[in-house]
Amino acid sequence: ITASIVVDLQEKNAAVFNYENKTATYTGSPISHEISGELEGDASISYSYVGTGETEYAVSSTAPVNAGTYEVTATFTMQPGYVAVASKTATLTINPKEVGLDWSELTGEELVYSGTAKALTATATGLADGDSCTVTVELVGDNINVGTFSYEATALSNANYKLPADVSSPEYTIMPKPLTITADSYEVYVDS
């Protein structure tokens, strides 16, 4: 007696999932956006990144570093026996990092009226290793004559960073310059 058995193999469906958008803050290092957890039946997942909008970044498998908006595409290569899964896309947004501001100081005689301008500078703090960032400042008030003045930070040279909410320097007061009065000497003759 001869018998035959027919086995009907059916393809398995991969798990259903959502590839959510991601928002991060600039760190100075590449920021990737990968699927969390495990996808049933996947042999491999590859990712590609490309800049969108005003962000210039050519299609690359390397995760981006700089602040901007990127489209991330996840491509799946499934194991045999599993239904193919279409590529998924998500948006990766890297926001600029907020800097701190370290203001130069004026003390003592520097705050006495001299007829010359009193200047302040600001240094950006909290930068990633190897980064540089120049702070542009503008004067508020009169920094030459007697009275009060301050400065405000208005711009940064590095687009990976942003100014803090408080952009003002401490307020300084220029004091009047003391006058030295010297009397002329006279010889007085008195007739006796």
N, C-alpha and C. Protein backbone atom coordinates (compact mmCIF):
# COMPACT_ATOMS: atom_id res chain seq x y z
N ILE A 1 0.85 -1.18 0.00
CA ILE A 1 0.00 0.00 0.00
C ILE A 1 0.89 1.24 0.00
N THR A 2 0.60 2.10 -0.92
CA THR A 2 1.37 3.33 -1.03
C THR A 2 0.47 4.52 -0.75
N ALA A 3 0.96 5.44 0.09
CA ALA A 3 0.16 6.63 0.43
C ALA A 3 1.02 7.86 0.26
N SER A 4 0.38 8.93 -0.05
CA SER A 4 1.10 10.20 -0.20
C SER A 4 0.48 11.25 0.71
N ILE A 5 1.33 12.05 1.26
CA ILE A 5 0.86 13.12 2.14
C ILE A 5 1.23 14.45 1.51
N VAL A 6 0.27 15.31 1.37
CA VAL A 6 0.49 16.63 0.81
C VAL A 6 0.47 17.65 1.94
N VAL A 7 1.57 18.35 2.10
CA VAL A 7 1.67 19.38 3.13
C VAL A 7 1.56 20.74 2.46
N ASP A 8 0.57 21.50 2.86
CA ASP A 8 0.35 22.83 2.29
C ASP A 8 1.03 23.86 3.18
N LEU A 9 2.17 24.38 2.71
CA LEU A 9 2.91 25.37 3.47
C LEU A 9 2.34 26.76 3.21
N GLN A 10 2.06 27.48 4.26
CA GLN A 10 1.54 28.84 4.12
C GLN A 10 2.55 29.83 4.69
N GLU A 11 2.66 30.93 4.01
CA GLU A 11 3.60 31.96 4.47
C GLU A 11 3.09 32.60 5.75
N LYS A 12 4.03 32.86 6.67
CA LYS A 12 3.68 33.51 7.92
C LYS A 12 3.65 35.03 7.72
N ASN A 13 2.81 35.67 8.45
CA ASN A 13 2.78 37.12 8.42
C ASN A 13 3.69 37.68 9.51
N ALA A 14 4.43 38.69 9.17
CA ALA A 14 5.27 39.35 10.16
C ALA A 14 4.40 40.20 11.09
N ALA A 15 4.92 40.48 12.23
CA ALA A 15 4.17 41.29 13.20
C ALA A 15 3.86 42.66 12.62
N VAL A 16 2.71 43.20 12.99
CA VAL A 16 2.33 44.54 12.55
C VAL A 16 2.89 45.54 13.56
N PHE A 17 3.48 46.61 13.07
CA PHE A 17 4.08 47.59 13.98
C PHE A 17 4.01 48.97 13.34
N ASN A 18 4.22 49.97 14.14
CA ASN A 18 4.29 51.35 13.66
C ASN A 18 5.71 51.87 13.83
N TYR A 19 6.18 52.58 12.84
CA TYR A 19 7.50 53.20 12.90
C TYR A 19 7.26 54.67 13.20
N GLU A 20 7.37 55.03 14.48
CA GLU A 20 6.99 56.36 14.93
C GLU A 20 8.09 57.39 14.63
N ASN A 21 7.68 58.65 14.54
CA ASN A 21 8.65 59.74 14.38
C ASN A 21 9.46 59.90 15.67
N LYS A 22 10.62 60.50 15.54
CA LYS A 22 11.52 60.67 16.69
C LYS A 22 12.06 62.09 16.73
N THR A 23 12.12 62.65 17.94
CA THR A 23 12.71 63.97 18.15
C THR A 23 13.84 63.84 19.16
N ALA A 24 14.98 64.43 18.83
CA ALA A 24 16.15 64.37 19.71
C ALA A 24 16.82 65.74 19.73
N THR A 25 17.80 65.89 20.61
CA THR A 25 18.57 67.13 20.71
C THR A 25 20.00 66.88 20.27
N TYR A 26 20.58 67.82 19.57
CA TYR A 26 21.95 67.70 19.06
C TYR A 26 22.92 67.34 20.19
N THR A 27 23.81 66.37 19.90
CA THR A 27 24.80 65.92 20.88
C THR A 27 26.23 66.01 20.37
N GLY A 28 26.40 66.23 19.07
CA GLY A 28 27.73 66.20 18.49
C GLY A 28 28.09 64.81 17.95
N SER A 29 27.22 63.84 18.16
CA SER A 29 27.42 62.47 17.69
C SER A 29 26.24 62.05 16.81
N PRO A 30 26.43 61.03 15.96
CA PRO A 30 25.32 60.57 15.12
C PRO A 30 24.12 60.14 15.96
N ILE A 31 22.93 60.46 15.47
CA ILE A 31 21.69 60.07 16.14
C ILE A 31 20.89 59.20 15.17
N SER A 32 20.72 57.94 15.54
CA SER A 32 20.01 57.00 14.67
C SER A 32 18.55 56.91 15.09
N HIS A 33 17.75 56.33 14.20
CA HIS A 33 16.34 56.09 14.50
C HIS A 33 16.01 54.68 14.04
N GLU A 34 16.02 53.74 14.98
CA GLU A 34 15.80 52.35 14.65
C GLU A 34 14.51 51.84 15.28
N ILE A 35 14.02 50.75 14.73
CA ILE A 35 12.79 50.16 15.23
C ILE A 35 13.07 49.49 16.57
N SER A 36 12.24 49.79 17.55
CA SER A 36 12.42 49.17 18.85
C SER A 36 11.75 47.80 18.89
N GLY A 37 12.31 46.91 19.69
CA GLY A 37 11.76 45.57 19.78
C GLY A 37 12.20 44.71 18.61
N GLU A 38 11.58 43.54 18.47
CA GLU A 38 11.93 42.60 17.42
C GLU A 38 10.75 42.39 16.48
N LEU A 39 11.06 42.32 15.21
CA LEU A 39 10.05 42.04 14.19
C LEU A 39 10.11 40.56 13.86
N GLU A 40 9.02 39.85 14.04
CA GLU A 40 9.00 38.40 13.82
C GLU A 40 9.39 38.07 12.38
N GLY A 41 10.40 37.22 12.24
CA GLY A 41 10.76 36.73 10.92
C GLY A 41 11.70 37.60 10.13
N ASP A 42 12.23 38.67 10.73
CA ASP A 42 13.12 39.52 9.94
C ASP A 42 14.53 38.96 9.95
N ALA A 43 15.16 38.98 8.79
CA ALA A 43 16.55 38.55 8.69
C ALA A 43 17.46 39.74 8.92
N SER A 44 17.04 40.89 8.41
CA SER A 44 17.84 42.10 8.62
C SER A 44 16.99 43.33 8.35
N ILE A 45 17.37 44.43 8.99
CA ILE A 45 16.73 45.72 8.75
C ILE A 45 17.83 46.72 8.43
N SER A 46 17.72 47.41 7.32
CA SER A 46 18.68 48.45 6.97
C SER A 46 17.97 49.80 6.97
N TYR A 47 18.74 50.83 7.28
CA TYR A 47 18.18 52.17 7.41
C TYR A 47 18.91 53.14 6.47
N SER A 48 18.14 54.06 5.91
CA SER A 48 18.75 55.13 5.12
C SER A 48 18.16 56.46 5.58
N TYR A 49 18.99 57.51 5.51
CA TYR A 49 18.61 58.84 5.98
C TYR A 49 18.78 59.84 4.85
N VAL A 50 17.88 60.81 4.78
CA VAL A 50 18.00 61.87 3.80
C VAL A 50 17.40 63.14 4.39
N GLY A 51 18.04 64.28 4.15
CA GLY A 51 17.54 65.54 4.66
C GLY A 51 16.26 65.96 3.96
N THR A 52 15.36 66.63 4.69
CA THR A 52 14.12 67.13 4.11
C THR A 52 14.00 68.62 4.41
N GLY A 53 13.16 69.30 3.65
CA GLY A 53 12.98 70.74 3.85
C GLY A 53 14.28 71.49 3.59
N GLU A 54 14.72 72.28 4.54
CA GLU A 54 15.94 73.07 4.39
C GLU A 54 17.19 72.30 4.81
N THR A 55 17.02 71.06 5.25
CA THR A 55 18.16 70.26 5.71
C THR A 55 18.84 69.58 4.52
N GLU A 56 20.11 69.89 4.31
CA GLU A 56 20.86 69.28 3.22
C GLU A 56 21.63 68.06 3.73
N TYR A 57 21.21 66.89 3.29
CA TYR A 57 21.86 65.64 3.68
C TYR A 57 21.50 64.60 2.64
N ALA A 58 22.49 64.20 1.83
CA ALA A 58 22.25 63.23 0.76
C ALA A 58 21.91 61.86 1.37
N VAL A 59 21.22 61.04 0.59
CA VAL A 59 20.81 59.72 1.06
C VAL A 59 22.04 58.94 1.56
N SER A 60 21.94 58.44 2.78
CA SER A 60 23.09 57.76 3.38
C SER A 60 22.62 56.75 4.41
N SER A 61 23.40 55.69 4.59
CA SER A 61 23.11 54.72 5.65
C SER A 61 23.69 55.18 6.98
N THR A 62 24.45 56.27 6.95
CA THR A 62 25.05 56.82 8.17
C THR A 62 24.07 57.78 8.84
N ALA A 63 23.84 57.56 10.11
CA ALA A 63 22.93 58.44 10.85
C ALA A 63 23.49 59.85 10.91
N PRO A 64 22.64 60.86 10.83
CA PRO A 64 23.09 62.26 10.81
C PRO A 64 23.53 62.75 12.19
N VAL A 65 24.33 63.82 12.16
CA VAL A 65 24.83 64.45 13.39
C VAL A 65 24.15 65.79 13.62
N ASN A 66 24.05 66.58 12.57
CA ASN A 66 23.65 67.98 12.71
C ASN A 66 22.15 68.17 12.92
N ALA A 67 21.81 69.29 13.53
CA ALA A 67 20.41 69.65 13.73
C ALA A 67 19.71 69.78 12.38
N GLY A 68 18.49 69.29 12.30
CA GLY A 68 17.73 69.35 11.05
C GLY A 68 16.61 68.33 11.07
N THR A 69 15.96 68.17 9.91
CA THR A 69 14.86 67.21 9.76
C THR A 69 15.23 66.19 8.70
N TYR A 70 15.03 64.93 9.02
CA TYR A 70 15.46 63.85 8.14
C TYR A 70 14.33 62.83 7.96
N GLU A 71 14.27 62.26 6.75
CA GLU A 71 13.37 61.13 6.51
C GLU A 71 14.19 59.86 6.64
N VAL A 72 13.71 58.93 7.46
CA VAL A 72 14.41 57.66 7.68
C VAL A 72 13.57 56.55 7.05
N THR A 73 14.22 55.73 6.24
CA THR A 73 13.54 54.59 5.61
C THR A 73 14.12 53.29 6.15
N ALA A 74 13.23 52.44 6.67
CA ALA A 74 13.63 51.12 7.16
C ALA A 74 13.24 50.08 6.11
N THR A 75 14.22 49.30 5.66
CA THR A 75 13.98 48.28 4.63
C THR A 75 14.22 46.90 5.24
N PHE A 76 13.29 45.98 5.00
CA PHE A 76 13.32 44.66 5.64
C PHE A 76 13.68 43.57 4.64
N THR A 77 14.55 42.68 5.05
CA THR A 77 14.84 41.46 4.29
C THR A 77 14.36 40.30 5.16
N MET A 78 13.26 39.64 4.74
CA MET A 78 12.60 38.65 5.58
C MET A 78 13.20 37.26 5.40
N GLN A 79 13.05 36.44 6.42
CA GLN A 79 13.45 35.04 6.35
C GLN A 79 12.48 34.28 5.45
N PRO A 80 12.94 33.17 4.87
CA PRO A 80 12.04 32.35 4.05
C PRO A 80 10.82 31.91 4.85
N GLY A 81 9.69 31.95 4.19
CA GLY A 81 8.46 31.53 4.84
C GLY A 81 7.66 32.66 5.42
N TYR A 82 8.20 33.89 5.34
CA TYR A 82 7.48 35.05 5.84
C TYR A 82 7.11 35.98 4.70
N VAL A 83 5.94 36.57 4.82
CA VAL A 83 5.49 37.53 3.82
C VAL A 83 6.40 38.76 3.86
N ALA A 84 6.75 39.25 2.69
CA ALA A 84 7.60 40.44 2.61
C ALA A 84 6.91 41.63 3.28
N VAL A 85 7.71 42.45 3.92
CA VAL A 85 7.20 43.65 4.58
C VAL A 85 7.67 44.88 3.81
N ALA A 86 6.74 45.75 3.50
CA ALA A 86 7.10 46.96 2.75
C ALA A 86 7.96 47.87 3.62
N SER A 87 8.78 48.65 2.96
CA SER A 87 9.62 49.61 3.68
C SER A 87 8.75 50.58 4.47
N LYS A 88 9.26 51.03 5.59
CA LYS A 88 8.57 51.99 6.43
C LYS A 88 9.39 53.26 6.52
N THR A 89 8.72 54.40 6.62
CA THR A 89 9.42 55.68 6.76
C THR A 89 8.96 56.40 8.01
N ALA A 90 9.86 57.18 8.57
CA ALA A 90 9.55 58.00 9.74
C ALA A 90 10.39 59.26 9.65
N THR A 91 10.05 60.23 10.45
CA THR A 91 10.79 61.50 10.48
C THR A 91 11.65 61.57 11.73
N LEU A 92 12.90 61.93 11.52
CA LEU A 92 13.83 62.17 12.63
C LEU A 92 14.12 63.66 12.68
N THR A 93 13.82 64.29 13.80
CA THR A 93 14.08 65.71 13.98
C THR A 93 15.15 65.89 15.05
N ILE A 94 16.25 66.54 14.69
CA ILE A 94 17.31 66.83 15.65
C ILE A 94 17.26 68.33 15.92
N ASN A 95 16.91 68.69 17.14
CA ASN A 95 16.79 70.09 17.51
C ASN A 95 18.13 70.65 17.98
N PRO A 96 18.37 71.95 17.77
CA PRO A 96 19.60 72.57 18.27
C PRO A 96 19.66 72.49 19.80
N LYS A 97 20.87 72.40 20.31
CA LYS A 97 21.07 72.37 21.76
C LYS A 97 21.17 73.80 22.30
N GLU A 98 20.56 74.05 23.43
CA GLU A 98 20.62 75.37 24.06
C GLU A 98 21.97 75.56 24.74
N VAL A 99 22.59 76.70 24.50
CA VAL A 99 23.88 76.99 25.12
C VAL A 99 23.68 77.81 26.39
N GLY A 100 24.72 77.87 27.19
CA GLY A 100 24.79 78.83 28.28
C GLY A 100 25.60 80.03 27.82
N LEU A 101 25.48 81.14 28.51
CA LEU A 101 26.23 82.34 28.14
C LEU A 101 27.10 82.78 29.32
N ASP A 102 28.39 82.90 29.05
CA ASP A 102 29.35 83.34 30.06
C ASP A 102 29.81 84.75 29.66
N TRP A 103 29.38 85.75 30.41
CA TRP A 103 29.68 87.14 30.06
C TRP A 103 30.98 87.60 30.70
N SER A 104 31.72 88.43 29.97
CA SER A 104 32.89 89.07 30.55
C SER A 104 32.43 90.08 31.61
N GLU A 105 33.35 90.56 32.44
CA GLU A 105 32.97 91.44 33.53
C GLU A 105 33.75 92.75 33.49
N LEU A 106 33.12 93.77 34.06
CA LEU A 106 33.76 95.08 34.24
C LEU A 106 33.74 95.41 35.73
N THR A 107 34.85 95.86 36.25
CA THR A 107 34.92 96.17 37.68
C THR A 107 35.71 97.44 37.93
N GLY A 108 35.52 98.00 39.12
CA GLY A 108 36.34 99.10 39.60
C GLY A 108 36.51 100.25 38.64
N GLU A 109 37.76 100.58 38.34
CA GLU A 109 38.07 101.73 37.51
C GLU A 109 37.53 101.59 36.08
N GLU A 110 37.27 100.37 35.67
CA GLU A 110 36.71 100.17 34.32
C GLU A 110 35.33 100.79 34.19
N LEU A 111 34.66 101.00 35.31
CA LEU A 111 33.30 101.55 35.28
C LEU A 111 33.26 103.04 35.59
N VAL A 112 34.42 103.68 35.62
CA VAL A 112 34.49 105.12 35.79
C VAL A 112 34.55 105.78 34.42
N TYR A 113 33.80 106.85 34.23
CA TYR A 113 33.77 107.53 32.94
C TYR A 113 35.18 107.84 32.45
N SER A 114 35.43 107.48 31.17
CA SER A 114 36.75 107.73 30.59
C SER A 114 36.65 108.31 29.18
N GLY A 115 35.42 108.40 28.67
CA GLY A 115 35.24 108.88 27.31
C GLY A 115 35.35 107.80 26.25
N THR A 116 35.64 106.57 26.68
CA THR A 116 35.73 105.44 25.74
C THR A 116 34.63 104.43 26.06
N ALA A 117 34.27 103.64 25.06
CA ALA A 117 33.19 102.67 25.21
C ALA A 117 33.59 101.52 26.13
N LYS A 118 32.64 101.05 26.90
CA LYS A 118 32.82 99.89 27.77
C LYS A 118 32.23 98.67 27.07
N ALA A 119 33.05 97.72 26.68
CA ALA A 119 32.58 96.59 25.88
C ALA A 119 32.47 95.32 26.71
N LEU A 120 31.48 94.50 26.37
CA LEU A 120 31.32 93.18 26.97
C LEU A 120 31.31 92.13 25.86
N THR A 121 31.75 90.93 26.19
CA THR A 121 31.69 89.81 25.25
C THR A 121 31.00 88.64 25.94
N ALA A 122 30.48 87.74 25.14
CA ALA A 122 29.82 86.54 25.68
C ALA A 122 30.44 85.30 25.04
N THR A 123 30.60 84.27 25.84
CA THR A 123 31.12 82.98 25.38
C THR A 123 30.05 81.93 25.53
N ALA A 124 29.85 81.12 24.49
CA ALA A 124 28.86 80.04 24.56
C ALA A 124 29.45 78.87 25.35
N THR A 125 28.67 78.35 26.30
CA THR A 125 29.12 77.21 27.10
C THR A 125 28.22 76.00 26.86
N GLY A 126 28.72 74.84 27.25
CA GLY A 126 27.94 73.61 27.08
C GLY A 126 28.05 73.01 25.69
N LEU A 127 29.12 73.35 24.96
CA LEU A 127 29.28 72.84 23.60
C LEU A 127 29.79 71.40 23.60
N ALA A 128 29.46 70.67 22.54
CA ALA A 128 29.99 69.32 22.37
C ALA A 128 31.49 69.41 22.10
N ASP A 129 32.22 68.37 22.46
CA ASP A 129 33.67 68.35 22.26
C ASP A 129 34.03 68.65 20.81
N GLY A 130 34.94 69.58 20.63
CA GLY A 130 35.42 69.90 19.29
C GLY A 130 34.62 70.97 18.58
N ASP A 131 33.49 71.37 19.14
CA ASP A 131 32.66 72.39 18.49
C ASP A 131 33.12 73.79 18.88
N SER A 132 32.84 74.73 18.00
CA SER A 132 33.06 76.14 18.30
C SER A 132 31.79 76.90 17.97
N CYS A 133 31.59 78.01 18.65
CA CYS A 133 30.36 78.79 18.45
C CYS A 133 30.60 80.21 18.93
N THR A 134 30.56 81.16 18.01
CA THR A 134 30.76 82.57 18.34
C THR A 134 29.42 83.22 18.65
N VAL A 135 29.40 84.06 19.69
CA VAL A 135 28.18 84.75 20.09
C VAL A 135 28.23 86.19 19.60
N THR A 136 27.20 86.62 18.88
CA THR A 136 27.07 88.01 18.46
C THR A 136 26.29 88.77 19.52
N VAL A 137 26.81 89.92 19.95
CA VAL A 137 26.14 90.70 21.00
C VAL A 137 25.84 92.11 20.50
N GLU A 138 24.83 92.72 21.08
CA GLU A 138 24.46 94.10 20.75
C GLU A 138 24.30 94.91 22.03
N LEU A 139 24.68 96.19 21.94
CA LEU A 139 24.61 97.09 23.07
C LEU A 139 23.18 97.53 23.35
N VAL A 140 22.84 97.61 24.63
CA VAL A 140 21.56 98.17 25.06
C VAL A 140 21.88 99.35 25.97
N GLY A 141 21.61 100.56 25.51
CA GLY A 141 21.91 101.75 26.30
C GLY A 141 23.17 102.45 25.81
N ASP A 142 23.73 103.30 26.66
CA ASP A 142 24.92 104.11 26.34
C ASP A 142 26.09 103.58 27.15
N ASN A 143 27.11 103.06 26.46
CA ASN A 143 28.25 102.48 27.16
C ASN A 143 29.46 103.41 27.18
N ILE A 144 29.21 104.71 26.97
CA ILE A 144 30.30 105.69 27.03
C ILE A 144 30.08 106.68 28.17
N ASN A 145 28.89 107.24 28.23
CA ASN A 145 28.60 108.29 29.21
C ASN A 145 28.04 107.72 30.52
N VAL A 146 28.01 108.59 31.52
CA VAL A 146 27.50 108.19 32.83
C VAL A 146 26.07 107.68 32.71
N GLY A 147 25.81 106.55 33.33
CA GLY A 147 24.48 105.93 33.25
C GLY A 147 24.62 104.42 33.19
N THR A 148 23.50 103.73 32.92
CA THR A 148 23.49 102.26 32.90
C THR A 148 23.47 101.73 31.46
N PHE A 149 24.00 100.55 31.31
CA PHE A 149 23.98 99.87 30.00
C PHE A 149 24.09 98.37 30.23
N SER A 150 23.79 97.63 29.18
CA SER A 150 23.97 96.17 29.19
C SER A 150 24.14 95.72 27.75
N TYR A 151 24.31 94.41 27.56
CA TYR A 151 24.41 93.84 26.22
C TYR A 151 23.42 92.68 26.11
N GLU A 152 23.05 92.35 24.87
CA GLU A 152 22.21 91.19 24.61
C GLU A 152 22.86 90.32 23.55
N ALA A 153 22.79 89.01 23.75
CA ALA A 153 23.22 88.07 22.71
C ALA A 153 22.13 87.97 21.66
N THR A 154 22.51 88.10 20.38
CA THR A 154 21.50 88.13 19.32
C THR A 154 21.62 86.98 18.33
N ALA A 155 22.78 86.33 18.26
CA ALA A 155 22.94 85.27 17.26
C ALA A 155 24.11 84.37 17.64
N LEU A 156 24.09 83.15 17.09
CA LEU A 156 25.17 82.19 17.25
C LEU A 156 25.69 81.79 15.88
N SER A 157 26.97 81.50 15.79
CA SER A 157 27.58 81.16 14.51
C SER A 157 27.39 79.70 14.12
N ASN A 158 26.93 78.87 15.05
CA ASN A 158 26.79 77.43 14.81
C ASN A 158 25.31 77.06 14.88
N ALA A 159 24.77 76.57 13.76
CA ALA A 159 23.33 76.27 13.69
C ALA A 159 22.92 75.08 14.54
N ASN A 160 23.87 74.34 15.10
CA ASN A 160 23.53 73.22 15.97
C ASN A 160 23.18 73.67 17.38
N TYR A 161 23.26 74.98 17.60
CA TYR A 161 22.99 75.52 18.93
C TYR A 161 21.96 76.64 18.85
N LYS A 162 21.30 76.91 19.99
CA LYS A 162 20.35 78.00 20.06
C LYS A 162 20.59 78.79 21.35
N LEU A 163 20.15 80.05 21.33
CA LEU A 163 20.31 80.92 22.49
C LEU A 163 19.33 80.52 23.60
N PRO A 164 19.71 80.78 24.86
CA PRO A 164 18.77 80.52 25.96
C PRO A 164 17.70 81.60 26.01
N ALA A 165 16.73 81.40 26.88
CA ALA A 165 15.64 82.39 27.01
C ALA A 165 16.18 83.72 27.51
N ASP A 166 17.13 83.69 28.43
CA ASP A 166 17.70 84.92 28.97
C ASP A 166 18.99 85.23 28.22
N VAL A 167 18.94 86.25 27.37
CA VAL A 167 20.09 86.60 26.53
C VAL A 167 20.79 87.86 27.00
N SER A 168 20.40 88.39 28.15
CA SER A 168 20.93 89.68 28.62
C SER A 168 22.13 89.50 29.54
N SER A 169 23.07 90.44 29.42
CA SER A 169 24.21 90.49 30.34
C SER A 169 23.76 91.15 31.64
N PRO A 170 24.57 91.10 32.68
CA PRO A 170 24.28 91.93 33.86
C PRO A 170 24.30 93.41 33.45
N GLU A 171 23.58 94.22 34.20
CA GLU A 171 23.55 95.66 33.92
C GLU A 171 24.69 96.36 34.67
N TYR A 172 25.34 97.28 33.96
CA TYR A 172 26.46 98.02 34.56
C TYR A 172 26.14 99.50 34.59
N THR A 173 26.76 100.20 35.55
CA THR A 173 26.58 101.64 35.68
C THR A 173 27.94 102.34 35.57
N ILE A 174 28.02 103.30 34.64
CA ILE A 174 29.23 104.11 34.51
C ILE A 174 29.13 105.27 35.48
N MET A 175 30.14 105.40 36.31
CA MET A 175 30.14 106.43 37.34
C MET A 175 30.90 107.67 36.86
N PRO A 176 30.54 108.86 37.41
CA PRO A 176 31.27 110.08 37.05
C PRO A 176 32.74 109.97 37.46
N LYS A 177 33.57 110.60 36.69
CA LYS A 177 35.00 110.63 37.02
C LYS A 177 35.25 111.74 38.04
N PRO A 178 35.90 111.42 39.15
CA PRO A 178 36.19 112.47 40.15
C PRO A 178 37.13 113.52 39.56
N LEU A 179 36.89 114.76 39.92
CA LEU A 179 37.76 115.85 39.47
C LEU A 179 38.74 116.22 40.56
N THR A 180 39.95 116.49 40.14
CA THR A 180 40.97 116.97 41.08
C THR A 180 41.15 118.47 40.85
N ILE A 181 40.90 119.26 41.87
CA ILE A 181 41.01 120.72 41.76
C ILE A 181 42.29 121.17 42.44
N THR A 182 43.13 121.82 41.71
CA THR A 182 44.40 122.34 42.25
C THR A 182 44.37 123.86 42.19
N ALA A 183 44.52 124.47 43.32
CA ALA A 183 44.51 125.94 43.37
C ALA A 183 45.90 126.47 43.00
N ASP A 184 45.90 127.56 42.26
CA ASP A 184 47.18 128.22 41.96
C ASP A 184 47.72 128.87 43.22
N SER A 185 49.04 128.95 43.35
CA SER A 185 49.66 129.59 44.52
C SER A 185 50.01 131.03 44.20
N TYR A 186 49.81 131.89 45.19
CA TYR A 186 50.10 133.31 45.02
C TYR A 186 50.98 133.79 46.18
N GLU A 187 51.82 134.73 45.88
CA GLU A 187 52.57 135.42 46.93
C GLU A 187 51.89 136.75 47.23
N VAL A 188 51.63 136.97 48.49
CA VAL A 188 50.94 138.20 48.89
C VAL A 188 51.90 139.07 49.70
N TYR A 189 52.03 140.30 49.26
CA TYR A 189 52.91 141.27 49.99
C TYR A 189 52.01 142.27 50.72
N VAL A 190 52.36 142.51 51.97
CA VAL A 190 51.59 143.45 52.79
C VAL A 190 52.52 144.56 53.24
N ASP A 191 52.12 145.78 52.90
CA ASP A 191 52.92 146.92 53.35
C ASP A 191 52.72 147.14 54.86
N SER A 192 53.81 147.32 55.52
CA SER A 192 53.69 147.58 56.95
C SER A 192 53.79 149.08 57.23
